[in-house]
Protein backbone atom coordinates (compact mmCIF):
# COMPACT_ATOMS: atom_id res chain seq x y z
CA UNK A 1 16.58 -22.29 -12.13
CA UNK A 2 17.83 -25.74 -11.10
CA UNK A 3 17.09 -25.69 -7.37
CA UNK A 4 14.04 -24.27 -5.63
CA UNK A 5 14.86 -21.41 -3.26
CA UNK A 6 14.57 -22.19 0.43
CA UNK A 7 14.68 -18.71 1.96
CA UNK A 8 13.83 -15.52 0.04
CA UNK A 9 14.14 -11.94 1.29
CA UNK A 10 11.92 -9.30 -0.30
CA UNK A 11 13.44 -5.89 0.28
CA UNK A 12 11.14 -2.86 0.22
CA UNK A 13 12.05 -0.07 2.63
CA UNK A 14 9.78 2.73 1.41
CA UNK A 15 6.15 3.70 2.07
CA UNK A 16 2.98 1.88 3.07
CA UNK A 17 1.40 1.79 -0.38
CA UNK A 18 4.64 0.55 -1.94
CA UNK A 19 4.82 -2.26 0.61
CA UNK A 20 1.17 -3.23 0.14
CA UNK A 21 1.65 -3.52 -3.63
CA UNK A 22 4.70 -5.74 -3.09
CA UNK A 23 2.86 -8.32 -0.97
CA UNK A 24 1.43 -10.17 -4.03
CA UNK A 25 5.04 -11.07 -4.89
CA UNK A 26 5.19 -12.99 -1.60
CA UNK A 27 1.90 -14.71 -2.47
CA UNK A 28 3.17 -15.74 -5.91
CA UNK A 29 6.40 -17.12 -4.43
CA UNK A 30 4.45 -19.21 -1.90
CA UNK A 31 2.37 -20.71 -4.70
CA UNK A 32 5.44 -21.45 -6.82
CA UNK A 33 7.52 -22.76 -3.91
CA UNK A 34 5.20 -23.92 -1.11
CA UNK A 35 8.05 -24.78 1.28
CA UNK A 36 9.96 -21.52 0.87
CA UNK A 37 10.50 -19.16 3.79
CA UNK A 38 9.67 -15.53 2.95
CA UNK A 39 11.29 -12.74 4.94
CA UNK A 40 10.38 -9.12 4.29
CA UNK A 41 13.01 -6.43 4.85
CA UNK A 42 11.20 -3.19 5.60
CA UNK A 43 11.01 -0.10 7.78
CA UNK A 44 9.76 -0.22 11.38
CA UNK A 45 6.82 1.94 10.34
CA UNK A 46 5.44 -0.76 8.04
CA UNK A 47 6.06 -3.73 10.35
CA UNK A 48 2.42 -4.17 11.41
CA UNK A 49 1.31 -4.28 7.75
CA UNK A 50 3.95 -6.82 6.79
CA UNK A 51 3.21 -8.96 9.84
CA UNK A 52 -0.48 -8.98 8.86
CA UNK A 53 0.33 -10.76 5.57
CA UNK A 54 -0.17 -14.53 5.70
CA UNK A 55 2.48 -15.06 3.01
CA UNK A 56 5.32 -13.49 4.99
CA UNK A 57 7.07 -15.66 7.58
CA UNK A 58 9.45 -13.14 9.10
CA UNK A 59 10.02 -9.38 9.30
CA UNK A 60 13.53 -7.91 9.13
CA UNK A 61 13.68 -4.36 10.48
CA UNK A 62 15.96 -2.17 8.38
CA UNK A 63 15.76 0.59 11.00
CA UNK A 64 17.41 -1.79 13.47
CA UNK A 65 20.10 -3.28 11.24
CA UNK A 66 20.81 -0.37 8.90
CA UNK A 67 22.95 1.52 11.41
CA UNK A 68 24.92 -1.53 12.53
CA UNK A 69 26.49 -4.11 10.24
CA UNK A 70 23.77 -4.90 7.66
CA UNK A 71 25.95 -7.38 5.75
CA UNK A 72 26.54 -9.40 8.90
CA UNK A 73 22.86 -9.28 9.81
CA UNK A 74 21.76 -10.36 6.34
CA UNK A 75 24.33 -13.16 6.36
CA UNK A 76 22.85 -14.41 9.63
CA UNK A 77 19.47 -14.71 7.92
CA UNK A 78 20.92 -17.49 5.74
CA UNK A 79 18.79 -16.51 2.75
CA UNK A 80 19.66 -17.86 -0.68
CA UNK A 81 17.69 -15.23 -2.67
CA UNK A 82 16.86 -11.55 -2.33
CA UNK A 83 14.45 -9.49 -4.41
CA UNK A 84 15.41 -5.81 -4.40
CA UNK A 85 11.92 -4.44 -5.03
CA UNK A 86 13.23 -1.06 -3.85
CA UNK A 87 16.93 -1.05 -4.81
CA UNK A 88 18.41 0.88 -1.92
CA UNK A 89 22.20 1.21 -2.39
CA UNK A 90 23.14 0.23 1.18
CA UNK A 91 21.06 -2.95 0.93
CA UNK A 92 22.37 -3.80 -2.53
CA UNK A 93 25.92 -3.62 -1.20
CA UNK A 94 25.09 -5.48 2.02
CA UNK A 95 23.34 -8.34 0.21
CA UNK A 96 26.38 -8.92 -1.99
CA UNK A 97 28.73 -8.74 0.98
CA UNK A 98 26.49 -11.23 2.81
CA UNK A 99 27.04 -13.62 -0.12
CA UNK A 100 23.33 -14.10 -0.80
CA UNK A 101 23.57 -16.40 -3.80
CA UNK A 102 20.78 -14.96 -5.97
CA UNK A 103 20.31 -11.19 -6.03
CA UNK A 104 17.44 -10.00 -8.24
CA UNK A 105 16.66 -6.43 -9.19
CA UNK A 106 16.55 -3.83 -11.93
CA UNK A 107 20.06 -2.93 -13.08
CA UNK A 108 19.59 0.68 -14.07
CA UNK A 109 22.06 2.34 -11.71
CA UNK A 110 25.75 1.72 -11.20
CA UNK A 111 25.42 0.34 -7.65
CA UNK A 112 22.85 -2.18 -8.88
CA UNK A 113 25.02 -3.19 -11.85
CA UNK A 114 27.89 -3.98 -9.46
CA UNK A 115 25.83 -5.90 -6.89
CA UNK A 116 22.96 -7.70 -8.65
CA UNK A 117 23.67 -11.03 -10.38
CA UNK A 118 20.18 -11.55 -11.81
CA UNK A 119 19.58 -8.19 -13.47
CA UNK A 120 16.23 -7.14 -14.89
CA UNK A 121 16.05 -4.54 -17.61
CA UNK A 122 12.76 -2.67 -17.48
CA UNK A 123 11.80 0.85 -16.48
CA UNK A 124 9.14 1.35 -13.84
CA UNK A 125 8.89 5.05 -14.64
CA UNK A 126 8.04 4.51 -18.31
CA UNK A 127 5.98 1.34 -17.93
CA UNK A 128 2.23 1.03 -18.49
CA UNK A 129 2.06 -1.79 -15.96
CA UNK A 130 0.65 -1.39 -12.47
CA UNK A 131 3.16 -1.20 -9.61
CA UNK A 132 1.99 -4.60 -8.35
CA UNK A 133 2.53 -6.10 -11.80
CA UNK A 134 6.01 -4.59 -11.94
CA UNK A 135 6.81 -6.20 -8.60
CA UNK A 136 5.58 -9.57 -9.87
CA UNK A 137 7.67 -9.12 -13.00
CA UNK A 138 10.69 -9.61 -10.75
CA UNK A 139 9.93 -13.34 -10.88
CA UNK A 140 11.74 -13.25 -14.21
CA UNK A 141 14.92 -13.24 -12.13
CA UNK A 142 14.07 -16.86 -11.31
CA UNK A 143 13.32 -17.64 -14.94
CA UNK A 144 9.55 -17.44 -14.34
CA UNK A 145 7.57 -15.46 -16.89
CA UNK A 146 3.89 -15.18 -16.01
CA UNK A 147 1.40 -12.44 -16.67
CA UNK A 148 -0.72 -11.39 -13.71
CA UNK A 149 -3.89 -9.42 -14.41
CA UNK A 150 -5.15 -6.81 -12.00
CA UNK A 151 -8.11 -9.10 -11.32
CA UNK A 152 -5.69 -11.89 -10.32
CA UNK A 153 -3.68 -9.59 -8.08
CA UNK A 154 -6.78 -8.29 -6.27
CA UNK A 155 -6.94 -11.58 -4.38
CA UNK A 156 -3.21 -11.94 -3.66
CA UNK A 157 -2.60 -9.64 -0.68
CA UNK A 158 -3.31 -12.07 2.13
CA UNK A 159 -3.89 -9.37 4.74
CA UNK A 160 -5.46 -10.33 8.04
CA UNK A 161 -6.44 -7.31 10.11
CA UNK A 162 -5.89 -7.37 13.88
CA UNK A 163 -8.75 -6.86 16.30
CA UNK A 164 -9.87 -3.29 16.77
CA UNK A 165 -9.16 -2.20 20.34
CA UNK A 166 -12.21 -1.83 22.55
CA UNK A 167 -11.91 1.93 23.00
CA UNK A 168 -11.92 2.41 19.21
CA UNK A 169 -14.58 -0.25 18.61
CA UNK A 170 -16.88 1.52 21.05
CA UNK A 171 -16.81 4.64 18.89
CA UNK A 172 -17.92 2.89 15.68
CA UNK A 173 -19.99 -0.09 16.83
CA UNK A 174 -23.31 -0.27 15.02
CA UNK A 175 -22.41 2.54 12.63
CA UNK A 176 -21.81 2.56 8.88
CA UNK A 177 -18.30 3.95 8.80
CA UNK A 178 -16.64 5.69 5.87
CA UNK A 179 -12.96 6.51 6.33
CA UNK A 180 -11.67 9.74 4.83
CA UNK A 181 -7.89 10.15 4.75
CA UNK A 182 -7.44 13.70 3.44
CA UNK A 183 -3.67 14.17 3.62
CA UNK A 184 -0.71 12.19 2.32
CA UNK A 185 2.58 13.43 3.85
CA UNK A 186 3.25 14.93 0.43
CA UNK A 187 3.41 11.49 -1.20
CA UNK A 188 0.46 12.16 -3.51
CA UNK A 189 -1.40 14.96 -5.22
CA UNK A 190 -4.10 15.92 -2.73
CA UNK A 191 -7.74 16.90 -2.91
CA UNK A 192 -8.40 20.25 -1.14
CA UNK A 193 -9.53 20.05 2.47
CA UNK A 194 -12.54 22.21 1.62
CA UNK A 195 -13.70 19.50 -0.80
CA UNK A 196 -13.19 16.83 1.86
CA UNK A 197 -15.29 19.01 4.16
CA UNK A 198 -18.06 19.15 1.56
CA UNK A 199 -17.87 15.36 1.08
CA UNK A 200 -18.05 14.87 4.85
CA UNK A 201 -21.31 16.83 4.96
CA UNK A 202 -22.76 14.80 2.08
CA UNK A 203 -21.84 11.54 3.77
CA UNK A 204 -23.36 12.58 7.09
CA UNK A 205 -26.57 13.58 5.30
CA UNK A 206 -26.48 10.14 3.65
CA UNK A 207 -26.52 8.51 7.12
CA UNK A 208 -22.87 7.51 7.12
CA UNK A 209 -20.55 8.03 10.06
CA UNK A 210 -17.31 9.63 8.87
CA UNK A 211 -13.99 8.62 10.44
CA UNK A 212 -11.25 11.15 9.68
CA UNK A 213 -7.77 9.61 9.87
CA UNK A 214 -4.21 10.92 9.71
CA UNK A 215 -1.41 11.95 12.03
CA UNK A 216 -1.79 14.39 14.91
CA UNK A 217 -0.01 17.04 12.83
CA UNK A 218 -2.39 16.44 9.93
CA UNK A 219 -5.32 16.64 12.31
CA UNK A 220 -4.13 20.08 13.41
CA UNK A 221 -3.81 21.15 9.76
CA UNK A 222 -7.40 20.05 9.13
CA UNK A 223 -8.83 21.66 12.24
CA UNK A 224 -10.27 24.73 10.50
CA UNK A 225 -11.74 22.93 7.48
CA UNK A 226 -13.36 19.63 8.52
CA UNK A 227 -16.83 20.01 10.14
CA UNK A 228 -15.88 18.23 13.35
CA UNK A 229 -19.00 19.59 15.07
CA UNK A 230 -21.33 17.34 13.09
CA UNK A 231 -22.64 14.40 15.15
CA UNK A 232 -21.64 11.91 12.43
CA UNK A 233 -17.93 12.82 12.39
CA UNK A 234 -15.28 11.00 14.44
CA UNK A 235 -11.76 12.36 14.83
CA UNK A 236 -9.24 9.51 14.66
CA UNK A 237 -6.27 11.71 13.75
CA UNK A 238 -3.23 10.83 15.86
CA UNK A 239 -5.16 8.11 17.68
CA UNK A 240 -4.45 4.99 15.61
CA UNK A 241 -1.28 2.97 15.32
CA UNK A 242 -0.90 1.53 11.83
CA UNK A 243 -2.21 -1.89 12.84
CA UNK A 244 -5.28 -0.27 14.37
CA UNK A 245 -5.85 1.75 11.20
CA UNK A 246 -5.84 -1.58 9.36
CA UNK A 247 -8.39 -2.88 11.87
CA UNK A 248 -10.60 0.20 11.42
CA UNK A 249 -10.50 -0.11 7.62
CA UNK A 250 -11.50 -3.75 7.96
CA UNK A 251 -14.63 -2.71 9.88
CA UNK A 252 -15.54 0.14 7.53
CA UNK A 253 -18.01 0.42 4.67
CA UNK A 254 -15.36 2.13 2.55
CA UNK A 255 -12.54 4.62 2.20
CA UNK A 256 -12.03 7.70 0.02
CA UNK A 257 -8.52 9.12 -0.37
CA UNK A 258 -5.92 10.25 -2.85
CA UNK A 259 -3.11 7.82 -3.76
CA UNK A 260 -2.06 7.09 -0.18
CA UNK A 261 -1.04 4.08 1.87
CA UNK A 262 -4.38 3.86 3.72
CA UNK A 263 -6.23 3.73 0.37
CA UNK A 264 -4.17 0.69 -0.63
CA UNK A 265 -4.58 -0.84 2.83
CA UNK A 266 -8.38 -0.68 2.57
CA UNK A 267 -8.42 -1.96 -1.00
CA UNK A 268 -6.15 -4.90 -0.16
CA UNK A 269 -8.46 -5.89 2.72
CA UNK A 270 -11.44 -5.97 0.35
CA UNK A 271 -12.96 -2.77 1.76
CA UNK A 272 -14.61 -0.63 -0.95
CA UNK A 273 -12.07 2.01 -1.93
CA UNK A 274 -12.29 5.09 -4.15
CA UNK A 275 -9.03 6.77 -5.14
CA UNK A 276 -8.53 10.28 -6.54
CA UNK A 277 -5.83 10.71 -9.18
CA UNK A 278 -4.04 12.91 -11.67
CA UNK A 279 -3.44 11.52 -15.19
CA UNK A 280 0.24 12.48 -15.10
CA UNK A 281 2.99 9.85 -15.20
CA UNK A 282 4.27 8.31 -13.03
CA UNK A 283 1.55 9.10 -10.46
CA UNK A 284 -1.35 8.12 -12.73
CA UNK A 285 -3.86 5.39 -11.81
CA UNK A 286 -2.52 3.00 -14.45
CA UNK A 287 0.46 2.64 -12.13
CA UNK A 288 -1.03 3.27 -8.70
CA UNK A 289 -4.79 2.58 -8.66
CA UNK A 290 -6.14 0.72 -5.61
CA UNK A 291 -6.41 -3.04 -6.17
CA UNK A 292 -9.04 -5.13 -4.43
CA UNK A 293 -12.45 -6.72 -4.85
CA UNK A 294 -14.37 -3.42 -4.71
CA UNK A 295 -12.25 -0.54 -5.95
CA UNK A 296 -12.41 2.31 -8.40
CA UNK A 297 -10.84 5.69 -9.03
CA UNK A 298 -11.59 9.11 -10.43
CA UNK A 299 -9.00 10.61 -12.77
CA UNK A 300 -9.08 14.28 -13.76
CA UNK A 301 -8.69 15.15 -17.43
CA UNK A 302 -5.44 17.08 -17.12
CA UNK A 303 -2.80 17.42 -14.43
CA UNK A 304 -3.89 20.41 -12.30
CA UNK A 305 -1.56 23.39 -12.45
CA UNK A 306 -2.74 24.33 -8.96
CA UNK A 307 -1.33 21.10 -7.53
CA UNK A 308 -4.75 20.15 -6.13
CA UNK A 309 -7.17 17.61 -7.57
CA UNK A 310 -10.24 19.39 -9.02
CA UNK A 311 -13.10 16.93 -8.39
CA UNK A 312 -16.43 18.17 -7.04
CA UNK A 313 -17.62 16.61 -3.78
CA UNK A 314 -20.91 15.61 -5.44
CA UNK A 315 -19.19 13.51 -8.12
CA UNK A 316 -16.97 11.80 -5.53
CA UNK A 317 -19.98 11.05 -3.32
CA UNK A 318 -21.97 9.74 -6.30
CA UNK A 319 -19.18 7.43 -7.47
CA UNK A 320 -18.60 6.14 -3.95
CA UNK A 321 -22.28 5.26 -3.57
CA UNK A 322 -22.14 3.48 -6.95
CA UNK A 323 -19.33 1.27 -5.61
CA UNK A 324 -21.36 0.40 -2.53
CA UNK A 325 -24.40 -0.38 -4.68
CA UNK A 326 -22.27 -2.72 -6.78
CA UNK A 327 -21.08 -4.43 -3.59
CA UNK A 328 -24.67 -4.95 -2.47
CA UNK A 329 -25.60 -6.47 -5.85
CA UNK A 330 -22.73 -8.98 -5.72
CA UNK A 331 -23.05 -9.93 -2.04
């Protein structure tokens, strides 16, 4: 690459966890090109996460431009480079039509072959690299070949949580909060609600206050299983905008969840995080484990035929307490 890029767009219009694990690419680009402007093209839903990253200068809302003239809107951004971290066909076509000079992405589908001029030839599905490492591998489109360890990446998220609103802060002030996020919108293999209920009881007995998070619909689905009556349980379902969930995680002692966006949010903030996983590709922890200063995961021996993760509440509670003990030793 002869000339340093001046304005780079990172395009990732899928879920929260995917976006979180793409943020280290922005960090790496800022280190390599300190004067570069980084714009992040994402969905409205993930805006508060992207805006919380110190390495991103501007947010481009795909939900606003996608139904209009995306090529014209991208051209107005005056970017010289775009990384298609999530190669969405409409954006691939729009970026070429906008005459963005350097268009980087994996060329494994026909639309990408026709629109990308810096093609990368690797398979995410068959790779043994972590998703964050695969995102950083896109730097090869600029001729940069560097290996990033998971330890390196743990410090590359640059998330700054907003202030927790007073009405939410009043519910947790002075308490040792553990966030449980039992459901995943179907994006991950889930742990049964009954097991989350058992873990909730163990945590309350261990003098933790348990914050249950999720959407209003998920809260309704959990209504019969979670022991809401216990004095150490707080119902946050349907009550937190995404930025406020980030703020809550920042104030918490830890989070336990399957492979969900909130798990990655907590991990990226440096909050102790324990993930629950199947060993099956491509959803296995090698690809999707939480990355941060204090993270770990439990992986079952075989992919469960039942579709539900088989861990016992006692083993999850024990491993979570081990993480917190390790945090205390290093603090």
